[in-house]
Each structure stands twice: as C-alpha cells, then as structure tokens.
Amino acid sequence: MLKTHVPVFVLGTICIVMLSLISFDAVARVYKCKDTDGNISYSQSPCVASSEQTQLSHSVKTSSVDAVTCSMVAKAAREVFSSVKRGKDAQAVFQVYGGLNGINPRMLNLINYVGSFRLHDKISGERVAQLSGGKCRSGGFGPITVEDLQFQDPMLAHQASIASQRQQVVKQYQQLAVPAVISVNFQETPLAEALRIIGAKAGVALDIDPSVTGTVNLRMDNVPWLQVVGRLSIEHKLLTGQGPKGIMISTMPNR
C-alpha cells in the first residue's frame, strides 16, 4: 500500500481548519506564550504574568448527539424489525446476528428493544427505526458506537464500515485541534519507544515506521503533545502524516 506523508508543519494547518469544522461539548483553550527572551510555548493554562499571551482557541461547542451513529442505529433497528415481523422468535433473531455468544451487549440491547414491538400489529419498520434513533440520541442505548452494530445486508455493513472510518478520522483531528498537554523526560530513550510513550500519554494512535531509530534526551513539561512530536521531528528529521492506522511517523528519506 502506498503511504502518503504530510510534513509535520502541515499538521498545524490541519488543526486550524478542522477546529472550524468540528464541534465540541466542553470549553477548550490553548494559549501561545512568548517569554521575555522570545521563546514560544503552547499550553492549556494561561501564560505567566511576564509572558506575551495569545489565545488560540476558545469556547468551542460540542453536540452530545452523534448523529452518524444514531442514523446507523435506526437502520440496524429497521433490519432487525424485518426479521421480527417475519415471525422469528427471539432465539432465531439472535442466531441471525451470531447467537448470544456473537452479539455484543449493546447490539443485544438494541435487538431486545426492537423485539418489544413484536405485538404492535400496526407499527411499521420505519416507525421502529425512528423510535430507535430517538432512543439513541437520548442516550438510551448507552455509549453505543457504529462498531457495535451488526448487519445482514452487505450494503448496510459497508455503510457502517465507512461511517466508522470517518468517525475515527474526525476523532483524530479533534485530538489535533485541541492537543493534550503532556510532560516527558527521556534519557537515552529509543526514539520509537519515546514516540509510543507520547502517543499513550496523548491518547493518540501513532503508526511508527521501522525506519525510526536513534535515542532521545529530552525533557518538556506541560506542553501540547504536538509540540513534543514537532521538536523530535525537527531534531531527528522525521516525516509525519495521516495514515490508515493513525498518525504515521517515518524517517525522512536521504536525497
């Protein structure tokens, strides 16, 4: 598979663009601080009194409703209801979706909910789908995700797969737009291991290429994780870009 890399400086541009497109629940702020010596740092805490401060992001709203997931929940409910209306009992419906051992708890919850309409002769599959979507939006199915859903229709399964991939991309860009603040203290730490530690601290998937070698001596306190990766990218000539498994990091090829 061809891997496309985006230079690390492009990530900053991506952050700014995505920040204008993605909505959040919590209020998030990132500050750019410049001290008296001209050194620049980024933090989610206000700068010290002697620093020049610029607020980069503020009061970003988020919707608590995942419209994409609830839309797929409605489609899953419609499909389950079609099996119910064909006269299948609960055990038969469960078997369609892999049996009790093959259904995750949230999908099982959805099937049980749809099955509760078995005796409603006049209710339609569309109405069940609407009710299921509404229950999803109100949190009635708990923290259900597209990955929890199972489909018999290959087209619906394909739609769910695409929706899941898009959600993962949005999640990664959310983490780029408002980066987690971390502290690191590396002493002769292998570079690949240091990057894995950064990813774990930031909650970000980093796909580290085997070409990434060397050791790291670096201490940084309470800074956005992107700033740490950016510094390592400059010092070790790394390329950083979006990949199918997360943010790809590899060594810059020799010219």
Foldseek 3Di string as FASTA:
>chain_A
DDDDFDFLVVLVVLLVVLLVVAAAQDWFKKKWWQAPVGDIAIFSDFDPPRIDIDIDGTDGHHQPFDLLFLLLLLVLLLQLLVVLQVPDDPQRSCVVQPGPVRADPLQVVSSVQSNVCSPVVPDHSNNRSVVSSVCVRVCVSPPDGLVNGDDPDPVSVVVSVVSVLVVVVSVQSVCSNRPDWAWDAFDFAWPVVVVVVLCVVGVFFEAEDPQRTGGDGDTDHRGGSSVVVVVCCVVQVWTWRADSRGIYIHHDDDD
